[in-house]
Amino acid sequence: EALIAGSKGLEFTAQTRMSGTDLPGGVRLRKG
């Protein structure tokens, strides 16, 4: 829950063709 509360979302766009989440501590999770 602590990671979810401090996370930041990356919205999918036609240009980036991916989406994801930045978790606290510099963890970048992406799917696309």
Full PDB file with SEQRES, HELIX, SHEET, SSBOND, CRYST1, ORIGX, SCALE, CONECT and MASTER records, all heavy atoms in Angstrom:
SEQRES   1 A   32  GLU ALA LEU ILE ALA GLY SER LYS GLY LEU GLU PHE THR          
SEQRES   2 A   32  ALA GLN THR ARG MET SER GLY THR ASP LEU PRO GLY GLY          
SEQRES   3 A   32  VAL ARG LEU ARG LYS GLY                                      
HELIX    1 AA1 ALA A    2  ALA A    5  1                                   4    
SHEET    1 AA1 3 LYS A   8  LEU A  10  0                                        
SHEET    2 AA1 3 SER A  19  LEU A  23 -1                                        
SHEET    3 AA1 3 VAL A  27  LYS A  31 -1                                        
CRYST1    1.000    1.000    1.000  90.00  90.00  90.00 P 1           1          
ORIGX1      1.000000  0.000000  0.000000        0.00000                         
ORIGX2      0.000000  1.000000  0.000000        0.00000                         
ORIGX3      0.000000  0.000000  1.000000        0.00000                         
SCALE1      1.000000  0.000000  0.000000        0.00000                         
SCALE2      0.000000  1.000000  0.000000        0.00000                         
SCALE3      0.000000  0.000000  1.000000        0.00000                         
ATOM      1  N   GLU A   1       0.820  -1.207   0.000  1.00  0.00           N  
ATOM      2  CA  GLU A   1       0.000   0.000   0.000  1.00  0.00           C  
ATOM      3  C   GLU A   1       0.857   1.261   0.000  1.00  0.00           C  
ATOM      4  O   GLU A   1       0.510   2.265  -0.620  1.00  0.00           O  
ATOM      5  CB  GLU A   1      -0.929   0.000   1.227  1.00  0.00           C  
ATOM      6  CG  GLU A   1      -2.012  -1.073   1.194  1.00  0.00           C  
ATOM      7  CD  GLU A   1      -3.001  -0.851   0.047  1.00  0.00           C  
ATOM      8  OE1 GLU A   1      -3.190   0.309  -0.361  1.00  0.00           O  
ATOM      9  OE2 GLU A   1      -3.560  -1.851  -0.442  1.00  0.00           O  
ATOM     10  N   ALA A   2       2.000   1.201   0.719  1.00  0.00           N  
ATOM     11  CA  ALA A   2       2.873   2.382   0.774  1.00  0.00           C  
ATOM     12  C   ALA A   2       3.418   2.713  -0.604  1.00  0.00           C  
ATOM     13  O   ALA A   2       3.546   3.893  -0.973  1.00  0.00           O  
ATOM     14  CB  ALA A   2       4.012   2.128   1.751  1.00  0.00           C  
ATOM     15  N   LEU A   3       3.748   1.678  -1.395  1.00  0.00           N  
ATOM     16  CA  LEU A   3       4.252   1.920  -2.753  1.00  0.00           C  
ATOM     17  C   LEU A   3       3.154   2.484  -3.645  1.00  0.00           C  
ATOM     18  O   LEU A   3       3.399   3.369  -4.474  1.00  0.00           O  
ATOM     19  CB  LEU A   3       4.803   0.618  -3.339  1.00  0.00           C  
ATOM     20  CG  LEU A   3       6.059   0.043  -2.665  1.00  0.00           C  
ATOM     21  CD1 LEU A   3       6.462  -1.259  -3.337  1.00  0.00           C  
ATOM     22  CD2 LEU A   3       7.204   1.061  -2.742  1.00  0.00           C  
ATOM     23  N   ILE A   4       1.934   1.958  -3.482  1.00  0.00           N  
ATOM     24  CA  ILE A   4       0.822   2.454  -4.306  1.00  0.00           C  
ATOM     25  C   ILE A   4       0.547   3.919  -4.003  1.00  0.00           C  
ATOM     26  O   ILE A   4       0.334   4.735  -4.905  1.00  0.00           O  
ATOM     27  CB  ILE A   4      -0.444   1.597  -4.047  1.00  0.00           C  
ATOM     28  CG1 ILE A   4      -0.202   0.152  -4.502  1.00  0.00           C  
ATOM     29  CG2 ILE A   4      -1.646   2.191  -4.770  1.00  0.00           C  
ATOM     30  CD1 ILE A   4      -1.369  -0.772  -4.206  1.00  0.00           C  
ATOM     31  N   ALA A   5       0.571   4.271  -2.710  1.00  0.00           N  
ATOM     32  CA  ALA A   5       0.269   5.651  -2.317  1.00  0.00           C  
ATOM     33  C   ALA A   5       1.283   6.633  -2.884  1.00  0.00           C  
ATOM     34  O   ALA A   5       0.945   7.769  -3.232  1.00  0.00           O  
ATOM     35  CB  ALA A   5       0.209   5.751  -0.802  1.00  0.00           C  
ATOM     36  N   GLY A   6       2.526   6.220  -3.001  1.00  0.00           N  
ATOM     37  CA  GLY A   6       3.551   7.137  -3.491  1.00  0.00           C  
ATOM     38  C   GLY A   6       3.873   6.979  -4.955  1.00  0.00           C  
ATOM     39  O   GLY A   6       4.856   7.554  -5.437  1.00  0.00           O  
ATOM     40  N   SER A   7       3.070   6.198  -5.690  1.00  0.00           N  
ATOM     41  CA  SER A   7       3.359   5.934  -7.102  1.00  0.00           C  
ATOM     42  C   SER A   7       2.809   7.032  -8.002  1.00  0.00           C  
ATOM     43  O   SER A   7       1.926   7.800  -7.621  1.00  0.00           O  
ATOM     44  CB  SER A   7       2.763   4.586  -7.508  1.00  0.00           C  
ATOM     45  OG  SER A   7       1.339   4.622  -7.453  1.00  0.00           O  
ATOM     46  N   LYS A   8       3.340   7.059  -9.209  1.00  0.00           N  
ATOM     47  CA  LYS A   8       2.905   8.025 -10.219  1.00  0.00           C  
ATOM     48  C   LYS A   8       2.676   7.279 -11.532  1.00  0.00           C  
ATOM     49  O   LYS A   8       3.529   6.528 -11.989  1.00  0.00           O  
ATOM     50  CB  LYS A   8       3.959   9.117 -10.397  1.00  0.00           C  
ATOM     51  CG  LYS A   8       3.587  10.166 -11.441  1.00  0.00           C  
ATOM     52  CD  LYS A   8       4.686  11.201 -11.577  1.00  0.00           C  
ATOM     53  CE  LYS A   8       4.326  12.229 -12.640  1.00  0.00           C  
ATOM     54  NZ  LYS A   8       5.409  13.225 -12.836  1.00  0.00           N  
ATOM     55  N   GLY A   9       1.494   7.487 -12.142  1.00  0.00           N  
ATOM     56  CA  GLY A   9       1.149   6.760 -13.351  1.00  0.00           C  
ATOM     57  C   GLY A   9       1.599   7.451 -14.622  1.00  0.00           C  
ATOM     58  O   GLY A   9       1.663   8.684 -14.690  1.00  0.00           O  
ATOM     59  N   LEU A  10       1.933   6.662 -15.619  1.00  0.00           N  
ATOM     60  CA  LEU A  10       2.275   7.145 -16.961  1.00  0.00           C  
ATOM     61  C   LEU A  10       1.165   6.673 -17.899  1.00  0.00           C  
ATOM     62  O   LEU A  10       0.992   5.477 -18.122  1.00  0.00           O  
ATOM     63  CB  LEU A  10       3.631   6.599 -17.414  1.00  0.00           C  
ATOM     64  CG  LEU A  10       4.063   6.974 -18.832  1.00  0.00           C  
ATOM     65  CD1 LEU A  10       4.354   8.465 -18.926  1.00  0.00           C  
ATOM     66  CD2 LEU A  10       5.302   6.168 -19.245  1.00  0.00           C  
ATOM     67  N   GLU A  11       0.429   7.610 -18.466  1.00  0.00           N  
ATOM     68  CA  GLU A  11      -0.723   7.274 -19.312  1.00  0.00           C  
ATOM     69  C   GLU A  11      -0.278   6.850 -20.712  1.00  0.00           C  
ATOM     70  O   GLU A  11       0.690   7.375 -21.259  1.00  0.00           O  
ATOM     71  CB  GLU A  11      -1.669   8.478 -19.410  1.00  0.00           C  
ATOM     72  CG  GLU A  11      -2.978   8.183 -20.111  1.00  0.00           C  
ATOM     73  CD  GLU A  11      -3.904   9.387 -20.111  1.00  0.00           C  
ATOM     74  OE1 GLU A  11      -3.545  10.404 -19.480  1.00  0.00           O  
ATOM     75  OE2 GLU A  11      -4.976   9.310 -20.747  1.00  0.00           O  
ATOM     76  N   PHE A  12      -1.007   5.907 -21.277  1.00  0.00           N  
ATOM     77  CA  PHE A  12      -0.714   5.440 -22.633  1.00  0.00           C  
ATOM     78  C   PHE A  12      -1.097   6.515 -23.648  1.00  0.00           C  
ATOM     79  O   PHE A  12      -2.137   7.167 -23.526  1.00  0.00           O  
ATOM     80  CB  PHE A  12      -1.497   4.160 -22.940  1.00  0.00           C  
ATOM     81  CG  PHE A  12      -1.356   3.687 -24.355  1.00  0.00           C  
ATOM     82  CD1 PHE A  12      -0.306   2.862 -24.731  1.00  0.00           C  
ATOM     83  CD2 PHE A  12      -2.266   4.087 -25.328  1.00  0.00           C  
ATOM     84  CE1 PHE A  12      -0.170   2.427 -26.044  1.00  0.00           C  
ATOM     85  CE2 PHE A  12      -2.138   3.662 -26.639  1.00  0.00           C  
ATOM     86  CZ  PHE A  12      -1.088   2.837 -26.994  1.00  0.00           C  
ATOM     87  N   THR A  13      -0.234   6.714 -24.649  1.00  0.00           N  
ATOM     88  CA  THR A  13      -0.545   7.596 -25.768  1.00  0.00           C  
ATOM     89  C   THR A  13      -0.154   6.892 -27.062  1.00  0.00           C  
ATOM     90  O   THR A  13       0.649   5.946 -27.069  1.00  0.00           O  
ATOM     91  CB  THR A  13       0.215   8.931 -25.683  1.00  0.00           C  
ATOM     92  OG1 THR A  13       1.619   8.684 -25.859  1.00  0.00           O  
ATOM     93  CG2 THR A  13      -0.036   9.637 -24.359  1.00  0.00           C  
ATOM     94  N   ALA A  14      -0.736   7.360 -28.173  1.00  0.00           N  
ATOM     95  CA  ALA A  14      -0.410   6.768 -29.469  1.00  0.00           C  
ATOM     96  C   ALA A  14       1.049   6.999 -29.827  1.00  0.00           C  
ATOM     97  O   ALA A  14       1.641   6.231 -30.588  1.00  0.00           O  
ATOM     98  CB  ALA A  14      -1.318   7.358 -30.547  1.00  0.00           C  
ATOM     99  N   GLN A  15       1.648   8.064 -29.276  1.00  0.00           N  
ATOM    100  CA  GLN A  15       3.043   8.361 -29.592  1.00  0.00           C  
ATOM    101  C   GLN A  15       4.004   7.465 -28.806  1.00  0.00           C  
ATOM    102  O   GLN A  15       4.944   6.897 -29.361  1.00  0.00           O  
ATOM    103  CB  GLN A  15       3.359   9.840 -29.305  1.00  0.00           C  
ATOM    104  CG  GLN A  15       2.704  10.814 -30.277  1.00  0.00           C  
ATOM    105  CD  GLN A  15       1.218  10.957 -30.056  1.00  0.00           C  
ATOM    106  OE1 GLN A  15       0.729  10.823 -28.926  1.00  0.00           O  
ATOM    107  NE2 GLN A  15       0.479  11.191 -31.127  1.00  0.00           N  
ATOM    108  N   THR A  16       3.752   7.310 -27.497  1.00  0.00           N  
ATOM    109  CA  THR A  16       4.672   6.509 -26.673  1.00  0.00           C  
ATOM    110  C   THR A  16       4.403   5.013 -26.793  1.00  0.00           C  
ATOM    111  O   THR A  16       5.316   4.205 -26.655  1.00  0.00           O  
ATOM    112  CB  THR A  16       4.541   6.911 -25.197  1.00  0.00           C  
ATOM    113  OG1 THR A  16       3.209   6.638 -24.732  1.00  0.00           O  
ATOM    114  CG2 THR A  16       4.827   8.396 -25.011  1.00  0.00           C  
ATOM    115  N   ARG A  17       3.139   4.650 -27.053  1.00  0.00           N  
ATOM    116  CA  ARG A  17       2.724   3.250 -27.186  1.00  0.00           C  
ATOM    117  C   ARG A  17       3.115   2.408 -25.971  1.00  0.00           C  
ATOM    118  O   ARG A  17       3.468   1.240 -26.088  1.00  0.00           O  
ATOM    119  CB  ARG A  17       3.284   2.635 -28.468  1.00  0.00           C  
ATOM    120  CG  ARG A  17       2.631   3.165 -29.729  1.00  0.00           C  
ATOM    121  CD  ARG A  17       3.269   2.546 -30.960  1.00  0.00           C  
ATOM    122  NE  ARG A  17       4.665   2.953 -31.083  1.00  0.00           N  
ATOM    123  CZ  ARG A  17       5.567   2.305 -31.812  1.00  0.00           C  
ATOM    124  NH1 ARG A  17       5.239   1.213 -32.447  1.00  0.00           N  
ATOM    125  NH2 ARG A  17       6.812   2.744 -31.880  1.00  0.00           N  
ATOM    126  N   MET A  18       3.075   3.029 -24.807  1.00  0.00           N  
ATOM    127  CA  MET A  18       3.332   2.285 -23.570  1.00  0.00           C  
ATOM    128  C   MET A  18       2.704   3.046 -22.413  1.00  0.00           C  
ATOM    129  O   MET A  18       2.347   4.225 -22.528  1.00  0.00           O  
ATOM    130  CB  MET A  18       4.838   2.121 -23.327  1.00  0.00           C  
ATOM    131  CG  MET A  18       5.571   3.420 -23.072  1.00  0.00           C  
ATOM    132  SD  MET A  18       7.344   3.149 -22.735  1.00  0.00           S  
ATOM    133  CE  MET A  18       7.899   4.846 -22.518  1.00  0.00           C  
ATOM    134  N   SER A  19       2.540   2.352 -21.294  1.00  0.00           N  
ATOM    135  CA  SER A  19       2.044   2.967 -20.068  1.00  0.00           C  
ATOM    136  C   SER A  19       2.807   2.347 -18.917  1.00  0.00           C  
ATOM    137  O   SER A  19       3.567   1.380 -19.097  1.00  0.00           O  
ATOM    138  CB  SER A  19       0.531   2.732 -19.914  1.00  0.00           C  
ATOM    139  OG  SER A  19       0.253   1.345 -19.838  1.00  0.00           O  
ATOM    140  N   GLY A  20       2.626   2.876 -17.718  1.00  0.00           N  
ATOM    141  CA  GLY A  20       3.380   2.311 -16.606  1.00  0.00           C  
ATOM    142  C   GLY A  20       3.219   3.080 -15.323  1.00  0.00           C  
ATOM    143  O   GLY A  20       2.336   3.945 -15.192  1.00  0.00           O  
ATOM    144  N   THR A  21       4.100   2.777 -14.388  1.00  0.00           N  
ATOM    145  CA  THR A  21       4.042   3.366 -13.057  1.00  0.00           C  
ATOM    146  C   THR A  21       5.462   3.606 -12.550  1.00  0.00           C  
ATOM    147  O   THR A  21       6.349   2.755 -12.724  1.00  0.00           O  
ATOM    148  CB  THR A  21       3.317   2.423 -12.077  1.00  0.00           C  
ATOM    149  OG1 THR A  21       2.014   2.121 -12.576  1.00  0.00           O  
ATOM    150  CG2 THR A  21       3.193   3.053 -10.692  1.00  0.00           C  
ATOM    151  N   ASP A  22       5.657   4.766 -11.934  1.00  0.00           N  
ATOM    152  CA  ASP A  22       6.909   5.068 -11.236  1.00  0.00           C  
ATOM    153  C   ASP A  22       6.662   4.871  -9.739  1.00  0.00           C  
ATOM    154  O   ASP A  22       5.886   5.621  -9.130  1.00  0.00           O  
ATOM    155  CB  ASP A  22       7.355   6.506 -11.512  1.00  0.00           C  
ATOM    156  CG  ASP A  22       7.828   6.689 -12.943  1.00  0.00           C  
ATOM    157  OD1 ASP A  22       8.210   5.691 -13.576  1.00  0.00           O  
ATOM    158  OD2 ASP A  22       7.782   7.839 -13.451  1.00  0.00           O  
ATOM    159  N   LEU A  23       7.331   3.868  -9.144  1.00  0.00           N  
ATOM    160  CA  LEU A  23       7.182   3.583  -7.721  1.00  0.00           C  
ATOM    161  C   LEU A  23       8.218   4.359  -6.915  1.00  0.00           C  
ATOM    162  O   LEU A  23       9.276   4.748  -7.447  1.00  0.00           O  
ATOM    163  CB  LEU A  23       7.345   2.087  -7.454  1.00  0.00           C  
ATOM    164  CG  LEU A  23       6.320   1.152  -8.118  1.00  0.00           C  
ATOM    165  CD1 LEU A  23       6.681  -0.304  -7.812  1.00  0.00           C  
ATOM    166  CD2 LEU A  23       4.908   1.463  -7.633  1.00  0.00           C  
ATOM    167  N   PRO A  24       7.950   4.609  -5.632  1.00  0.00           N  
ATOM    168  CA  PRO A  24       8.959   5.263  -4.788  1.00  0.00           C  
ATOM    169  C   PRO A  24      10.258   4.457  -4.775  1.00  0.00           C  
ATOM    170  O   PRO A  24      10.248   3.224  -4.821  1.00  0.00           O  
ATOM    171  CB  PRO A  24       8.291   5.267  -3.402  1.00  0.00           C  
ATOM    172  CG  PRO A  24       6.819   5.184  -3.674  1.00  0.00           C  
ATOM    173  CD  PRO A  24       6.693   4.351  -4.895  1.00  0.00           C  
ATOM    174  N   GLY A  25      11.358   5.137  -4.737  1.00  0.00           N  
ATOM    175  CA  GLY A  25      12.657   4.476  -4.727  1.00  0.00           C  
ATOM    176  C   GLY A  25      13.266   4.342  -6.108  1.00  0.00           C  
ATOM    177  O   GLY A  25      14.270   3.647  -6.286  1.00  0.00           O  
ATOM    178  N   GLY A  26      12.655   4.997  -7.117  1.00  0.00           N  
ATOM    179  CA  GLY A  26      13.235   4.977  -8.453  1.00  0.00           C  
ATOM    180  C   GLY A  26      12.938   3.745  -9.276  1.00  0.00           C  
ATOM    181  O   GLY A  26      13.612   3.491 -10.287  1.00  0.00           O  
ATOM    182  N   VAL A  27      11.911   2.973  -8.905  1.00  0.00           N  
ATOM    183  CA  VAL A  27      11.537   1.789  -9.691  1.00  0.00           C  
ATOM    184  C   VAL A  27      10.571   2.211 -10.798  1.00  0.00           C  
ATOM    185  O   VAL A  27       9.508   2.769 -10.527  1.00  0.00           O  
ATOM    186  CB  VAL A  27      10.891   0.714  -8.794  1.00  0.00           C  
ATOM    187  CG1 VAL A  27      10.450  -0.488  -9.639  1.00  0.00           C  
ATOM    188  CG2 VAL A  27      11.850   0.286  -7.700  1.00  0.00           C  
ATOM    189  N   ARG A  28      10.986   1.921 -12.047  1.00  0.00           N  
ATOM    190  CA  ARG A  28      10.158   2.286 -13.210  1.00  0.00           C  
ATOM    191  C   ARG A  28       9.615   1.007 -13.846  1.00  0.00           C  
ATOM    192  O   ARG A  28      10.381   0.172 -14.344  1.00  0.00           O  
ATOM    193  CB  ARG A  28      10.985   3.058 -14.229  1.00  0.00           C  
ATOM    194  CG  ARG A  28      11.541   4.379 -13.688  1.00  0.00           C  
ATOM    195  CD  ARG A  28      12.387   5.082 -14.729  1.00  0.00           C  
ATOM    196  NE  ARG A  28      13.549   4.276 -15.110  1.00  0.00           N  
ATOM    197  CZ  ARG A  28      14.688   4.219 -14.409  1.00  0.00           C  
ATOM    198  NH1 ARG A  28      14.814   4.908 -13.269  1.00  0.00           N  
ATOM    199  NH2 ARG A  28      15.702   3.455 -14.812  1.00  0.00           N  
ATOM    200  N   LEU A  29       8.295   0.864 -13.804  1.00  0.00           N  
ATOM    201  CA  LEU A  29       7.627  -0.292 -14.402  1.00  0.00           C  
ATOM    202  C   LEU A  29       6.878   0.157 -15.657  1.00  0.00           C  
ATOM    203  O   LEU A  29       6.103   1.129 -15.607  1.00  0.00           O  
ATOM    204  CB  LEU A  29       6.642  -0.923 -13.413  1.00  0.00           C  
ATOM    205  CG  LEU A  29       7.248  -1.414 -12.078  1.00  0.00           C  
ATOM    206  CD1 LEU A  29       6.146  -1.926 -11.159  1.00  0.00           C  
ATOM    207  CD2 LEU A  29       8.286  -2.502 -12.341  1.00  0.00           C  
ATOM    208  N   ARG A  30       7.133  -0.541 -16.772  1.00  0.00           N  
ATOM    209  CA  ARG A  30       6.520  -0.155 -18.040  1.00  0.00           C  
ATOM    210  C   ARG A  30       5.978  -1.393 -18.754  1.00  0.00           C  
ATOM    211  O   ARG A  30       6.520  -2.488 -18.636  1.00  0.00           O  
ATOM    212  CB  ARG A  30       7.541   0.528 -18.961  1.00  0.00           C  
ATOM    213  CG  ARG A  30       8.172   1.786 -18.394  1.00  0.00           C  
ATOM    214  CD  ARG A  30       7.174   2.942 -18.372  1.00  0.00           C  
ATOM    215  NE  ARG A  30       7.828   4.180 -17.949  1.00  0.00           N  
ATOM    216  CZ  ARG A  30       7.846   4.636 -16.690  1.00  0.00           C  
ATOM    217  NH1 ARG A  30       7.270   3.910 -15.722  1.00  0.00           N  
ATOM    218  NH2 ARG A  30       8.445   5.773 -16.399  1.00  0.00           N  
ATOM    219  N   LYS A  31       4.918  -1.184 -19.512  1.00  0.00           N  
ATOM    220  CA  LYS A  31       4.402  -2.230 -20.399  1.00  0.00           C  
ATOM    221  C   LYS A  31       3.965  -1.550 -21.697  1.00  0.00           C  
ATOM    222  O   LYS A  31       3.477  -0.409 -21.693  1.00  0.00           O  
ATOM    223  CB  LYS A  31       3.228  -2.983 -19.772  1.00  0.00           C  
ATOM    224  CG  LYS A  31       1.949  -2.176 -19.616  1.00  0.00           C  
ATOM    225  CD  LYS A  31       0.834  -3.025 -19.036  1.00  0.00           C  
ATOM    226  CE  LYS A  31      -0.515  -2.327 -19.083  1.00  0.00           C  
ATOM    227  NZ  LYS A  31      -0.571  -1.080 -18.321  1.00  0.00           N  
ATOM    228  N   GLY A  32       4.156  -2.251 -22.825  1.00  0.00           N  
ATOM    229  CA  GLY A  32       3.798  -1.645 -24.100  1.00  0.00           C  
ATOM    230  C   GLY A  32       4.045  -2.588 -25.256  1.00  0.00           C  
ATOM    231  O   GLY A  32       4.347  -3.779 -25.080  1.00  0.00           O  
TER     232      GLY A  32                                                      
MASTER        0    0    0    1    3    0    0    6  231    1    0    3          
END                                                                             
